[in-house]
Amino acid sequence: MAVPTTRMLVLAVVRMLQPVHGYDVRRELLSWHADDWANVKPGSVYGALKTVHREGLIAVEEVGQDGARPERTTYRMTAEGEKVFGDLVREALWSTEQPKHPYYAAIALFPAAPRDEVVAALRSRILKFEADLLHLEREVARVLAGSGHPAEAEPHNVADLLQLAADHTRADLEWSRKTLRRIESGELNVWTIPPWTEEGTAPA
């Protein structure tokens, strides 16, 4: 079973920066690019904070107000939160579950789209991945150039997760380049014979 990532990461940041305000939890996770690699939506962070607070995993440290600014609530981890967080991290570390790649279905349905459109889509995909890879590699270098202290910059292990994302992107990029070459050379041709007849049955 997949670990609830947003829940685990929110607890991690509270534990690391406590006492910490919700805005700083959100900002920290965005600096880790968690919205990209973990699909942590910025708005979901506040919802997760409310949930783990209601469950007794974090506690309110202080509610204060600075001038005309809205009240700021800071949180601290509870003993129960430490236990639950430890269980979540342990489960995530030992997980070998592979993500369900959304492009698999598109590959299976190549024959249902015109060849020219598949070629154009692959070329666009390659350009996107080339840009993504360049960005990720620059981010890895930027994080490693920082102090690595959580109170000052992203921890250095964030560079490792960004490197993993870069490696996945590189693999996807190479697959896309190879597949495009195979289609353009005629080695991969799934358009000569339709895979289905008009009646929806496989050809004899």
Protein backbone atom coordinates (compact mmCIF):
# COMPACT_ATOMS: atom_id res chain seq x y z
CA MET A 1 0.00 0.00 0.00
CA ALA A 2 1.29 3.45 -0.92
CA VAL A 3 2.41 5.70 1.91
CA PRO A 4 0.32 8.93 2.23
CA THR A 5 3.10 11.21 1.00
CA THR A 6 1.67 14.62 1.89
CA ARG A 7 0.98 13.50 5.44
CA MET A 8 4.48 12.09 5.87
CA LEU A 9 6.21 15.17 4.40
CA VAL A 10 4.18 17.62 6.47
CA LEU A 11 5.11 15.74 9.64
CA ALA A 12 8.73 15.67 8.50
CA VAL A 13 8.93 19.44 8.09
CA VAL A 14 7.16 20.12 11.40
CA ARG A 15 9.61 17.77 13.10
CA MET A 16 12.61 19.38 11.39
CA LEU A 17 11.72 23.07 11.89
CA GLN A 18 9.53 23.01 15.01
CA PRO A 19 8.04 25.18 16.25
CA VAL A 20 6.90 26.08 12.75
CA HIS A 21 4.07 27.98 11.10
CA GLY A 22 1.97 26.39 8.36
CA TYR A 23 3.18 28.88 5.78
CA ASP A 24 6.78 27.86 6.46
CA VAL A 25 5.86 24.18 6.10
CA ARG A 26 4.35 24.94 2.70
CA ARG A 27 7.32 27.08 1.63
CA GLU A 28 9.82 24.42 2.68
CA LEU A 29 8.06 21.68 0.71
CA LEU A 30 7.83 23.89 -2.37
CA SER A 31 11.57 24.58 -2.10
CA TRP A 32 12.05 20.80 -2.25
CA HIS A 33 9.90 20.71 -5.45
CA ALA A 34 7.54 18.31 -3.68
CA ASP A 35 4.72 19.59 -5.89
CA ASP A 36 6.57 17.98 -8.84
CA TRP A 37 7.97 14.68 -7.57
CA ALA A 38 5.39 13.89 -4.86
CA ASN A 39 2.34 15.66 -6.32
CA VAL A 40 1.99 17.62 -3.08
CA LYS A 41 -0.39 20.43 -3.94
CA PRO A 42 0.39 23.69 -2.11
CA GLY A 43 -3.18 23.98 -0.84
CA SER A 44 -3.16 20.41 0.49
CA VAL A 45 -0.44 21.27 3.02
CA TYR A 46 -2.82 23.29 5.19
CA GLY A 47 -5.44 20.56 5.01
CA ALA A 48 -2.86 17.99 6.07
CA LEU A 49 -1.78 20.19 8.97
CA LYS A 50 -5.37 20.42 10.20
CA THR A 51 -5.79 16.67 9.89
CA VAL A 52 -2.63 15.69 11.76
CA HIS A 53 -3.44 18.30 14.42
CA ARG A 54 -6.92 16.87 14.87
CA GLU A 55 -5.40 13.40 15.19
CA GLY A 56 -3.00 14.58 17.90
CA LEU A 57 0.16 14.10 15.83
CA ILE A 58 1.14 17.76 16.16
CA ALA A 59 0.20 20.30 18.84
CA VAL A 60 -0.19 24.06 18.82
CA GLU A 61 2.91 25.67 20.29
CA GLU A 62 1.74 29.26 20.09
CA VAL A 63 -0.86 31.53 18.53
CA GLY A 64 0.45 35.02 18.01
CA GLN A 65 -0.14 38.14 15.97
CA ASP A 66 2.40 40.60 14.63
CA GLY A 67 0.80 44.02 14.12
CA ALA A 68 -2.03 43.98 11.61
CA ARG A 69 -1.00 40.64 10.18
CA PRO A 70 -3.29 37.61 10.61
CA GLU A 71 -2.79 35.33 13.58
CA ARG A 72 0.03 32.84 13.16
CA THR A 73 -0.24 29.40 14.66
CA THR A 74 2.96 27.48 15.20
CA TYR A 75 3.09 23.72 15.66
CA ARG A 76 5.27 21.16 17.39
CA MET A 77 5.41 17.38 17.04
CA THR A 78 3.80 15.22 19.72
CA ALA A 79 5.02 11.86 20.99
CA GLU A 80 2.26 10.14 19.00
CA GLY A 81 3.33 12.12 15.95
CA GLU A 82 6.90 10.88 16.36
CA LYS A 83 5.66 7.29 16.44
CA VAL A 84 3.38 7.65 13.41
CA PHE A 85 6.04 9.54 11.46
CA GLY A 86 8.62 6.85 12.20
CA ASP A 87 6.22 4.17 10.94
CA LEU A 88 5.51 6.13 7.74
CA VAL A 89 9.21 6.68 7.00
CA ARG A 90 10.00 3.03 7.63
CA GLU A 91 7.21 1.90 5.31
CA ALA A 92 8.34 4.33 2.59
CA LEU A 93 12.00 3.28 2.86
CA TRP A 94 11.17 -0.38 2.37
CA SER A 95 8.65 0.19 -0.42
CA THR A 96 9.47 -1.09 -3.90
CA GLU A 97 6.11 -0.19 -5.39
CA GLN A 98 6.50 1.22 -8.90
CA PRO A 99 4.45 4.26 -9.93
CA LYS A 100 1.77 3.73 -12.56
CA HIS A 101 3.13 5.54 -15.61
CA PRO A 102 0.35 7.55 -17.33
CA TYR A 103 2.06 7.21 -20.72
CA TYR A 104 1.77 3.41 -20.84
CA ALA A 105 -1.80 3.59 -22.11
CA ALA A 106 -0.81 6.05 -24.84
CA ILE A 107 1.94 3.68 -26.05
CA ALA A 108 -0.53 0.80 -26.18
CA LEU A 109 -2.80 2.96 -28.35
CA PHE A 110 -0.20 4.24 -30.83
CA PRO A 111 -2.02 2.45 -33.69
CA ALA A 112 -5.23 4.36 -32.91
CA ALA A 113 -3.59 7.73 -33.70
CA PRO A 114 -2.18 8.91 -37.05
CA ARG A 115 1.53 8.17 -37.45
CA ASP A 116 2.33 11.86 -38.07
CA GLU A 117 0.63 12.85 -34.82
CA VAL A 118 2.54 10.23 -32.83
CA VAL A 119 5.81 11.49 -34.35
CA ALA A 120 4.93 15.13 -33.58
CA ALA A 121 3.95 14.23 -30.01
CA LEU A 122 7.22 12.35 -29.46
CA ARG A 123 9.24 15.31 -30.76
CA SER A 124 7.37 17.62 -28.38
CA ARG A 125 7.91 15.15 -25.54
CA ILE A 126 11.65 15.09 -26.24
CA LEU A 127 11.91 18.89 -26.15
CA LYS A 128 10.01 18.98 -22.84
CA PHE A 129 12.19 16.31 -21.23
CA GLU A 130 15.40 17.99 -22.44
CA ALA A 131 14.30 21.21 -20.72
CA ASP A 132 13.18 19.35 -17.58
CA LEU A 133 16.48 17.48 -17.35
CA LEU A 134 18.51 20.68 -17.66
CA HIS A 135 16.42 22.31 -14.92
CA LEU A 136 16.74 19.33 -12.57
CA GLU A 137 20.50 19.10 -13.01
CA ARG A 138 20.84 22.82 -12.24
CA GLU A 139 18.67 22.39 -9.14
CA VAL A 140 20.84 19.50 -7.93
CA ALA A 141 23.92 21.71 -8.23
CA ARG A 142 22.17 24.62 -6.50
CA VAL A 143 21.07 22.53 -3.51
CA LEU A 144 24.52 21.00 -3.10
CA ALA A 145 26.06 24.48 -3.21
CA GLY A 146 24.03 25.49 -0.15
CA SER A 147 24.87 24.82 3.47
CA GLY A 148 22.48 21.88 3.76
CA HIS A 149 21.26 23.19 7.12
CA PRO A 150 17.43 23.00 7.20
CA ALA A 151 17.11 26.41 8.85
CA GLU A 152 19.09 28.07 6.05
CA ALA A 153 18.61 26.07 2.85
CA GLU A 154 17.32 22.79 1.49
CA PRO A 155 18.94 19.75 3.12
CA HIS A 156 21.54 18.14 0.87
CA ASN A 157 19.50 14.93 0.60
CA VAL A 158 16.95 16.95 -1.39
CA ALA A 159 19.59 16.92 -4.15
CA ASP A 160 19.44 13.12 -4.09
CA LEU A 161 15.69 13.04 -4.68
CA LEU A 162 16.09 15.61 -7.47
CA GLN A 163 18.84 13.43 -8.96
CA LEU A 164 16.50 10.45 -8.90
CA ALA A 165 13.89 12.56 -10.72
CA ALA A 166 16.57 13.58 -13.22
CA ASP A 167 17.55 9.95 -13.78
CA HIS A 168 13.92 8.99 -14.44
CA THR A 169 13.56 11.93 -16.83
CA ARG A 170 16.76 10.93 -18.64
CA ALA A 171 15.49 7.36 -19.06
CA ASP A 172 12.15 8.63 -20.41
CA LEU A 173 14.01 11.00 -22.75
CA GLU A 174 16.21 8.21 -24.12
CA TRP A 175 13.19 5.95 -24.62
CA SER A 176 11.37 8.72 -26.49
CA ARG A 177 14.38 9.40 -28.74
CA LYS A 178 14.83 5.71 -29.47
CA THR A 179 11.14 5.19 -30.23
CA LEU A 180 11.07 8.21 -32.53
CA ARG A 181 14.09 6.88 -34.44
CA ARG A 182 12.45 3.45 -34.80
CA ILE A 183 9.24 4.97 -36.16
CA GLU A 184 11.01 7.33 -38.56
CA SER A 185 13.24 4.51 -39.88
CA GLY A 186 10.26 2.20 -40.39
CA GLU A 187 11.52 -0.35 -37.84
CA LEU A 188 8.45 0.32 -35.71
CA ASN A 189 5.36 0.40 -37.88
CA VAL A 190 2.01 -0.31 -36.27
CA TRP A 191 -0.03 1.59 -38.87
CA THR A 192 0.24 -0.67 -41.93
CA ILE A 193 -2.19 -3.30 -40.64
CA PRO A 194 -4.98 -2.03 -38.33
CA PRO A 195 -4.90 -3.83 -34.99
CA TRP A 196 -8.71 -3.99 -34.93
CA THR A 197 -11.34 -4.45 -37.59
CA GLU A 198 -14.36 -2.19 -37.85
CA GLU A 199 -16.32 -4.80 -35.91
CA GLY A 200 -13.85 -4.46 -33.03
CA THR A 201 -12.43 -7.97 -33.37
CA ALA A 202 -8.81 -8.91 -33.82
CA PRO A 203 -7.80 -9.69 -37.43
CA ALA A 204 -7.33 -13.34 -38.37
